[in-house]
Every structure is written in C-alpha cells, then in structure tokens.
C-alpha atoms as a PDB file:
ATOM      1  CA  MET A   1      70.463 135.325  69.966  1.00  0.00           C
ATOM      2  CA  PRO A   2      72.514 137.482  67.344  1.00  0.00           C
ATOM      3  CA  ASP A   3      71.314 136.847  63.742  1.00  0.00           C
ATOM      4  CA  VAL A   4      73.227 133.785  63.029  1.00  0.00           C
ATOM      5  CA  GLN A   5      72.445 133.558  59.401  1.00  0.00           C
ATOM      6  CA  LYS A   6      74.923 136.708  58.558  1.00  0.00           C
ATOM      7  CA  ILE A   7      77.690 134.703  60.383  1.00  0.00           C
ATOM      8  CA  HIS A   8      80.098 133.109  57.928  1.00  0.00           C
ATOM      9  CA  PRO A   9      82.991 131.347  60.318  1.00  0.00           C
ATOM     10  CA  GLY A  10      85.014 129.884  56.946  1.00  0.00           C
ATOM     11  CA  ASP A  11      85.526 133.059  55.297  1.00  0.00           C
ATOM     12  CA  GLY A  12      88.275 133.812  58.336  1.00  0.00           C
ATOM     13  CA  GLY A  13      86.977 137.689  58.750  1.00  0.00           C
ATOM     14  CA  ALA A  14      86.350 139.913  61.636  1.00  0.00           C
ATOM     15  CA  ASP A  15      82.616 138.381  62.626  1.00  0.00           C
ATOM     16  CA  HIS A  16      84.109 134.796  63.035  1.00  0.00           C
ATOM     17  CA  ASN A  17      86.911 135.913  65.621  1.00  0.00           C
ATOM     18  CA  ARG A  18      83.816 137.704  67.644  1.00  0.00           C
ATOM     19  CA  VAL A  19      81.260 134.919  67.926  1.00  0.00           C
ATOM     20  CA  SER A  20      80.706 132.116  70.354  1.00  0.00           C
ATOM     21  CA  LEU A  21      81.684 128.901  69.048  1.00  0.00           C
ATOM     22  CA  LEU A  22      78.443 127.305  70.104  1.00  0.00           C
ATOM     23  CA  ILE A  23      76.454 129.834  68.005  1.00  0.00           C
ATOM     24  CA  ASP A  24      78.562 129.205  65.078  1.00  0.00           C
ATOM     25  CA  ILE A  25      77.858 125.371  64.986  1.00  0.00           C
ATOM     26  CA  GLN A  26      74.257 125.912  65.938  1.00  0.00           C
ATOM     27  CA  ALA A  27      74.233 128.335  62.524  1.00  0.00           C
ATOM     28  CA  LYS A  28      75.335 125.582  60.932  1.00  0.00           C
ATOM     29  CA  ILE A  29      73.233 123.067  62.128  1.00  0.00           C
ATOM     30  CA  ARG A  30      69.937 125.103  61.848  1.00  0.00           C
ATOM     31  CA  ALA A  31      70.315 126.355  58.147  1.00  0.00           C
ATOM     32  CA  GLY A  32      68.827 123.530  56.501  1.00  0.00           C
ATOM     33  CA  LYS A  33      68.598 124.993  53.484  1.00  0.00           C
ATOM     34  CA  GLY A  34      70.838 126.612  50.579  1.00  0.00           C
ATOM     35  CA  GLU A  35      73.811 125.486  48.599  1.00  0.00           C
ATOM     36  CA  GLY A  36      76.078 126.124  50.827  1.00  0.00           C
ATOM     37  CA  TYR A  37      74.320 124.108  53.536  1.00  0.00           C
ATOM     38  CA  GLU A  38      74.016 121.136  51.200  1.00  0.00           C
ATOM     39  CA  ARG A  39      77.462 120.935  50.408  1.00  0.00           C
ATOM     40  CA  TRP A  40      78.794 121.567  53.896  1.00  0.00           C
ATOM     41  CA  ALA A  41      76.134 118.609  54.892  1.00  0.00           C
ATOM     42  CA  ARG A  42      77.429 116.473  52.110  1.00  0.00           C
ATOM     43  CA  ILE A  43      81.276 116.483  54.119  1.00  0.00           C
ATOM     44  CA  PHE A  44      79.985 116.532  57.569  1.00  0.00           C
ATOM     45  CA  ASN A  45      77.295 114.292  59.446  1.00  0.00           C
ATOM     46  CA  ILE A  46      74.508 116.382  61.258  1.00  0.00           C
ATOM     47  CA  LYS A  47      74.582 113.646  63.888  1.00  0.00           C
ATOM     48  CA  GLU A  48      78.171 114.126  64.603  1.00  0.00           C
ATOM     49  CA  ALA A  49      78.088 118.025  64.472  1.00  0.00           C
ATOM     50  CA  ALA A  50      74.983 117.917  67.101  1.00  0.00           C
ATOM     51  CA  LYS A  51      76.829 115.433  69.462  1.00  0.00           C
ATOM     52  CA  THR A  52      79.889 117.846  69.395  1.00  0.00           C
ATOM     53  CA  LEU A  53      77.803 120.571  70.060  1.00  0.00           C
ATOM     54  CA  LEU A  54      76.229 119.073  73.165  1.00  0.00           C
ATOM     55  CA  PHE A  55      79.886 117.668  74.075  1.00  0.00           C
ATOM     56  CA  LEU A  56      80.817 120.980  74.237  1.00  0.00           C
ATOM     57  CA  GLN A  57      77.856 122.890  75.994  1.00  0.00           C
ATOM     58  CA  GLU A  58      78.179 119.922  78.623  1.00  0.00           C
ATOM     59  CA  ASN A  59      81.560 120.938  79.454  1.00  0.00           C
ATOM     60  CA  GLY A  60      81.550 124.772  79.325  1.00  0.00           C
ATOM     61  CA  ILE A  61      83.641 125.467  76.096  1.00  0.00           C
ATOM     62  CA  ASP A  62      82.145 128.484  73.830  1.00  0.00           C
ATOM     63  CA  SER A  63      85.240 129.043  71.812  1.00  0.00           C
ATOM     64  CA  TYR A  64      87.724 127.589  69.654  1.00  0.00           C
ATOM     65  CA  ASP A  65      90.805 128.854  71.130  1.00  0.00           C
ATOM     66  CA  ASP A  66      89.561 127.088  74.469  1.00  0.00           C
ATOM     67  CA  LEU A  67      88.898 124.324  72.442  1.00  0.00           C
ATOM     68  CA  VAL A  68      92.140 124.358  70.906  1.00  0.00           C
ATOM     69  CA  GLN A  69      93.758 124.596  74.336  1.00  0.00           C
ATOM     70  CA  LYS A  70      92.109 122.098  76.295  1.00  0.00           C
ATOM     71  CA  ALA A  71      92.644 119.363  73.587  1.00  0.00           C
ATOM     72  CA  ALA A  72      96.517 120.561  73.800  1.00  0.00           C
ATOM     73  CA  SER A  73      96.830 120.635  77.559  1.00  0.00           C
ATOM     74  CA  ALA A  74      94.712 117.058  77.523  1.00  0.00           C
ATOM     75  CA  SER A  75      97.254 115.400  74.838  1.00  0.00           C
ATOM     76  CA  SER A  76      99.967 116.789  76.936  1.00  0.00           C
ATOM     77  CA  ASN A  77      98.538 115.299  80.340  1.00  0.00           C
ATOM     78  CA  PHE A  78      98.143 111.723  78.455  1.00  0.00           C
ATOM     79  CA  SER A  79     101.899 112.085  76.901  1.00  0.00           C
ATOM     80  CA  ALA A  80     103.060 112.678  80.562  1.00  0.00           C
ATOM     81  CA  LEU A  81     101.246 109.939  82.260  1.00  0.00           C
ATOM     82  CA  SER A  82     102.183 107.552  79.419  1.00  0.00           C
ATOM     83  CA  GLY A  83     105.668 108.518  80.212  1.00  0.00           C
ATOM     84  CA  LYS A  84     105.432 107.967  83.534  1.00  0.00           C
ATOM     85  CA  ILE A  85     104.075 104.191  82.998  1.00  0.00           C
ATOM     86  CA  LYS A  86     106.587 103.578  80.486  1.00  0.00           C
ATOM     87  CA  ASP A  87     108.950 104.712  83.280  1.00  0.00           C
ATOM     88  CA  ALA A  88     107.841 102.409  85.663  1.00  0.00           C
ATOM     89  CA  ASP A  89     107.862  99.157  83.648  1.00  0.00           C
ATOM     90  CA  LYS A  90     111.130 100.236  82.438  1.00  0.00           C
ATOM     91  CA  ARG A  91     112.579 100.185  86.329  1.00  0.00           C
ATOM     92  CA  LEU A  92     110.217  97.114  87.085  1.00  0.00           C
ATOM     93  CA  THR A  93     112.062  94.684  84.261  1.00  0.00           C
ATOM     94  CA  GLU A  94     115.366  96.474  85.211  1.00  0.00           C
ATOM     95  CA  ILE A  95     114.106  94.779  89.173  1.00  0.00           C
ATOM     96  CA  ARG A  96     113.519  91.598  88.025  1.00  0.00           C
ATOM     97  CA  GLU A  97     116.254  90.822  86.361  1.00  0.00           C
ATOM     98  CA  LEU A  98     118.503  92.442  88.920  1.00  0.00           C
ATOM     99  CA  GLN A  99     117.162  89.878  91.152  1.00  0.00           C
ATOM    100  CA  LYS A 100     116.966  87.271  88.685  1.00  0.00           C
ATOM    101  CA  GLN A 101     121.138  87.957  88.448  1.00  0.00           C
ATOM    102  CA  ILE A 102     121.886  88.599  92.006  1.00  0.00           C
ATOM    103  CA  GLY A 103     120.219  84.515  92.886  1.00  0.00           C
ATOM    104  CA  THR A 104     122.176  83.604  89.983  1.00  0.00           C
ATOM    105  CA  TYR A 105     125.273  85.726  91.771  1.00  0.00           C
ATOM    106  CA  SER A 106     124.831  84.163  95.067  1.00  0.00           C
ATOM    107  CA  LYS A 107     124.379  80.236  93.613  1.00  0.00           C
ATOM    108  CA  THR A 108     127.525  80.275  92.318  1.00  0.00           C
ATOM    109  CA  ARG A 109     129.404  82.212  93.946  1.00  0.00           C
ATOM    110  CA  ASN A 110     131.307  79.106  95.834  1.00  0.00           C
ATOM    111  CA  THR A 111     131.770  77.380  92.318  1.00  0.00           C
ATOM    112  CA  TYR A 112     133.814  80.039  91.078  1.00  0.00           C
ATOM    113  CA  ALA A 113     135.943  80.784  94.237  1.00  0.00           C
ATOM    114  CA  LYS A 114     137.235  77.207  93.812  1.00  0.00           C
ATOM    115  CA  TYR A 115     137.601  78.267  90.487  1.00  0.00           C
ATOM    116  CA  LYS A 116     139.380  81.141  91.588  1.00  0.00           C
ATOM    117  CA  ALA A 117     141.524  79.046  94.106  1.00  0.00           C
ATOM    118  CA  SER A 118     143.233  76.168  92.069  1.00  0.00           C
ATOM    119  CA  GLY A 119     144.834  78.975  89.704  1.00  0.00           C
ATOM    120  CA  TRP A 120     142.250  78.725  86.946  1.00  0.00           C
ATOM    121  CA  ASP A 121     142.851  75.361  86.746  1.00  0.00           C
ATOM    122  CA  ARG A 122     141.216  74.853  83.006  1.00  0.00           C
ATOM    123  CA  ASP A 123     139.904  70.904  83.869  1.00  0.00           C
ATOM    124  CA  PHE A 124     138.119  72.845  87.127  1.00  0.00           C
ATOM    125  CA  TYR A 125     136.758  75.221  84.651  1.00  0.00           C
ATOM    126  CA  GLU A 126     135.461  72.854  81.694  1.00  0.00           C
ATOM    127  CA  GLY A 127     133.983  70.645  84.412  1.00  0.00           C
ATOM    128  CA  GLN A 128     132.068  73.795  85.927  1.00  0.00           C
ATOM    129  CA  ARG A 129     132.322  75.932  82.845  1.00  0.00           C
ATOM    130  CA  ALA A 130     128.476  76.428  83.352  1.00  0.00           C
ATOM    131  CA  ASP A 131     128.410  77.924  86.784  1.00  0.00           C
ATOM    132  CA  ILE A 132     131.215  79.928  85.982  1.00  0.00           C
ATOM    133  CA  THR A 133     129.936  81.085  82.864  1.00  0.00           C
ATOM    134  CA  LEU A 134     126.637  82.203  84.349  1.00  0.00           C
ATOM    135  CA  HIS A 135     128.626  84.119  87.701  1.00  0.00           C
ATOM    136  CA  ARG A 136     130.953  85.964  85.465  1.00  0.00           C
ATOM    137  CA  ALA A 137     127.530  87.343  83.302  1.00  0.00           C
ATOM    138  CA  ALA A 138     126.214  87.991  86.362  1.00  0.00           C
ATOM    139  CA  LYS A 139     129.286  90.143  87.449  1.00  0.00           C
ATOM    140  CA  LYS A 140     129.071  91.787  84.009  1.00  0.00           C
ATOM    141  CA  HIS A 141     125.511  92.860  84.215  1.00  0.00           C
ATOM    142  CA  PHE A 142     126.119  94.231  88.071  1.00  0.00           C
ATOM    143  CA  ASP A 143     129.640  96.629  86.307  1.00  0.00           C
ATOM    144  CA  GLY A 144     126.717  97.575  83.822  1.00  0.00           C
ATOM    145  CA  LEU A 145     124.803  99.429  86.007  1.00  0.00           C
ATOM    146  CA  GLY A 146     127.412 100.606  88.090  1.00  0.00           C
ATOM    147  CA  LEU A 147     127.067  98.660  90.922  1.00  0.00           C
ATOM    148  CA  LYS A 148     129.597  98.868  93.727  1.00  0.00           C
ATOM    149  CA  LYS A 149     127.006  96.838  96.471  1.00  0.00           C
ATOM    150  CA  LEU A 150     124.595  94.918  95.462  1.00  0.00           C
ATOM    151  CA  PRO A 151     121.024  96.057  97.121  1.00  0.00           C
ATOM    152  CA  THR A 152     119.255  93.041  98.852  1.00  0.00           C
ATOM    153  CA  ILE A 153     116.659  90.863  97.451  1.00  0.00           C
ATOM    154  CA  ALA A 154     114.473  92.638 100.260  1.00  0.00           C
ATOM    155  CA  SER A 155     115.028  95.585  99.288  1.00  0.00           C
ATOM    156  CA  LEU A 156     113.947  94.966  95.791  1.00  0.00           C
ATOM    157  CA  LYS A 157     111.062  93.828  96.557  1.00  0.00           C
ATOM    158  CA  GLN A 158     110.022  96.780  98.415  1.00  0.00           C
ATOM    159  CA  GLU A 159     110.911  99.173  95.770  1.00  0.00           C
ATOM    160  CA  TYR A 160     108.998  96.692  93.146  1.00  0.00           C
ATOM    161  CA  ALA A 161     105.818  96.531  95.190  1.00  0.00           C
ATOM    162  CA  THR A 162     105.811 100.501  95.864  1.00  0.00           C
ATOM    163  CA  LEU A 163     106.424 100.797  92.034  1.00  0.00           C
ATOM    164  CA  ALA A 164     103.256  98.139  91.374  1.00  0.00           C
ATOM    165  CA  ALA A 165     101.070 100.162  93.218  1.00  0.00           C
ATOM    166  CA  GLU A 166     102.022 103.386  91.471  1.00  0.00           C
ATOM    167  CA  LYS A 167     102.143 101.821  88.141  1.00  0.00           C
ATOM    168  CA  LYS A 168      98.422 100.424  89.330  1.00  0.00           C
ATOM    169  CA  LYS A 169      96.961 104.302  90.321  1.00  0.00           C
ATOM    170  CA  LEU A 170      98.997 105.448  87.060  1.00  0.00           C
ATOM    171  CA  TYR A 171      96.734 103.250  85.146  1.00  0.00           C
ATOM    172  CA  SER A 172      93.267 104.487  86.546  1.00  0.00           C
ATOM    173  CA  SER A 173      94.586 108.264  85.722  1.00  0.00           C
ATOM    174  CA  TYR A 174      95.763 107.108  82.222  1.00  0.00           C
ATOM    175  CA  ARG A 175      92.899 105.485  81.069  1.00  0.00           C
ATOM    176  CA  ALA A 176      90.347 108.746  82.089  1.00  0.00           C
ATOM    177  CA  ALA A 177      93.145 110.739  80.845  1.00  0.00           C
ATOM    178  CA  LYS A 178      93.271 108.836  77.346  1.00  0.00           C
ATOM    179  CA  ASP A 179      89.577 109.041  76.858  1.00  0.00           C
ATOM    180  CA  ASN A 180      89.304 112.791  78.009  1.00  0.00           C
ATOM    181  CA  MET A 181      91.998 113.501  75.013  1.00  0.00           C
ATOM    182  CA  ARG A 182      90.148 111.742  72.624  1.00  0.00           C
ATOM    183  CA  GLU A 183      86.827 113.423  73.242  1.00  0.00           C
ATOM    184  CA  LEU A 184      88.659 116.784  73.112  1.00  0.00           C
ATOM    185  CA  VAL A 185      90.563 116.224  70.249  1.00  0.00           C
ATOM    186  CA  ILE A 186      87.668 114.395  68.355  1.00  0.00           C
ATOM    187  CA  ALA A 187      85.728 117.890  69.497  1.00  0.00           C
ATOM    188  CA  LYS A 188      88.409 119.826  68.154  1.00  0.00           C
ATOM    189  CA  ASP A 189      88.810 118.030  64.362  1.00  0.00           C
ATOM    190  CA  ASN A 190      84.622 118.147  64.202  1.00  0.00           C
ATOM    191  CA  ALA A 191      84.558 121.921  65.256  1.00  0.00           C
ATOM    192  CA  THR A 192      87.277 123.017  62.789  1.00  0.00           C
ATOM    193  CA  LYS A 193      85.384 120.888  59.825  1.00  0.00           C
ATOM    194  CA  ILE A 194      81.813 122.671  60.940  1.00  0.00           C
ATOM    195  CA  LEU A 195      83.353 125.935  61.077  1.00  0.00           C
ATOM    196  CA  GLY A 196      85.104 125.455  57.547  1.00  0.00           C
ATOM    197  CA  LEU A 197      88.432 126.442  58.708  1.00  0.00           C
ATOM    198  CA  THR A 198      91.783 125.938  57.072  1.00  0.00           C
ATOM    199  CA  PRO A 199      95.309 125.610  58.240  1.00  0.00           C
ATOM    200  CA  GLU A 200      95.867 128.773  56.090  1.00  0.00           C
ATOM    201  CA  THR A 201      92.409 130.427  57.721  1.00  0.00           C
ATOM    202  CA  GLN A 202      93.978 129.404  60.810  1.00  0.00           C
ATOM    203  CA  LYS A 203      97.240 130.905  60.474  1.00  0.00           C
ATOM    204  CA  HIS A 204      95.914 134.054  59.161  1.00  0.00           C
ATOM    205  CA  ASP A 205      93.494 134.599  62.067  1.00  0.00           C
ATOM    206  CA  VAL A 206      96.612 133.856  64.561  1.00  0.00           C
ATOM    207  CA  GLN A 207      99.261 135.886  62.645  1.00  0.00           C
ATOM    208  CA  ARG A 208      96.617 138.959  61.951  1.00  0.00           C
ATOM    209  CA  HIS A 209      95.816 139.423  65.704  1.00  0.00           C
ATOM    210  CA  LYS A 210      99.590 139.160  66.893  1.00  0.00           C
ATOM    211  CA  GLN A 211     100.099 142.118  64.666  1.00  0.00           C
ATOM    212  CA  LYS A 212      97.158 144.037  66.366  1.00  0.00           C
ATOM    213  CA  GLY A 213      98.407 142.892  70.094  1.00  0.00           C
ATOM    214  CA  GLY A 214      95.380 140.943  70.758  1.00  0.00           C
ATOM    215  CA  SER A 215      94.716 137.514  71.557  1.00  0.00           C
ATOM    216  CA  LEU A 216      92.759 134.976  69.148  1.00  0.00           C
ATOM    217  CA  LYS A 217      89.131 134.426  70.387  1.00  0.00           C
ATOM    218  CA  ARG A 218      86.513 132.221  68.726  1.00  0.00           C
END
C-alpha cells in the first residue's frame, strides 16, 4: 500500500487526483492523531466514514469520478422511473374520468334527444335540467379531448388494466432505484466531506484536467 499518510486529499493537488478513493478514505480513518485529524473527526463521524468505505468496497467503486458518475446515473434513472409512473397515473385518472363521462352521456342521451326534438322547449328544459346539464358537460369533456368517436368501455377497461399492471412493475423498479440512488448520493456526499473537498477545489481540478486534455481521476 502507498504511504497514505503523505497524501492530503483536501489540498486538491496532483497526488489527490492519482490515488485511489479507497486509499484516501482509509488514510483518514487510520490517521487517528494530529491536529488535522482531530479537526476532521469533529466534522465527520468515524462510523459513517467506515460505512461509506465498506459501501464503496462492496460496490467496486475506487475513484471519485466513478462515484460521482454512478450517483448522477442513479438519480437520472430514478427521475425517469418517477416520470413514467406519473404519466401512468395521469392516464389512469383520464381513463376513469372518461369512463364516467361516457356512462353519463349514455344515460342522458335519450333525454337530450327529446329536448332537441321539442325545439329546445323551455318547460321541458326546466323539467329535465339536471340530465341536460350533465349531457352537455359530458359532450364538452369529449370535445376538450378532441374525440370524434367515443372509445368503448371495454377498450378503456383493457387499457386501464394494462397500464395498472405496468405501473405495478414500475413501482418495483422504482423502489430499488430509489434505494440505490439514496445510497450512492449519501456515499458521494460523505466521500466529499471525508476528503475535505469543496466546490472550488472540484471546479479547479476539472478545469485543470480539461486544459491538459485529460480525464479527472481520483
């Protein structure tokens, strides 16, 4: 193992960019003495540092860049799944409302036909105001959806069942993705604190490596 006691990740120097992330964290945990260590230990819990190290080892993550990329990818995957579930929920709600309006339209169709046949008689309207109002509201709903022909209740039930099944599968992946994202984001945040990195330090490293035409490795 390299002489990790000579490595100072927080300095943002060349050594920091070459050494293994795991070695950096181990160095912090093993230091155990000195003013710098005591200052760091007050900021960060040693048990948390050890948990982070174990997580990185178990998941084969040995560079800061890899950790950042995995955390970003996990967050993106979680957001994509969340979006799909929201879209499914929206469509399921639309289907339920459409089924309701189709049912209302069907039940009030004869009444509205009679009202039309009466020449829009005022007395007929007053006697059947509720059904006529509901029929018009249903027609307005269909027009708002741009429907020229109403789907059958059977086809809507089939679409609903298919979507509900897909949503159930998505939820299984969603929970796993949420846990994975949380673990990686926490590990990234902890590693950043453990190594004493600051936004300025990270920005400086990225810019320096871009100028050299290389990739940022930690």
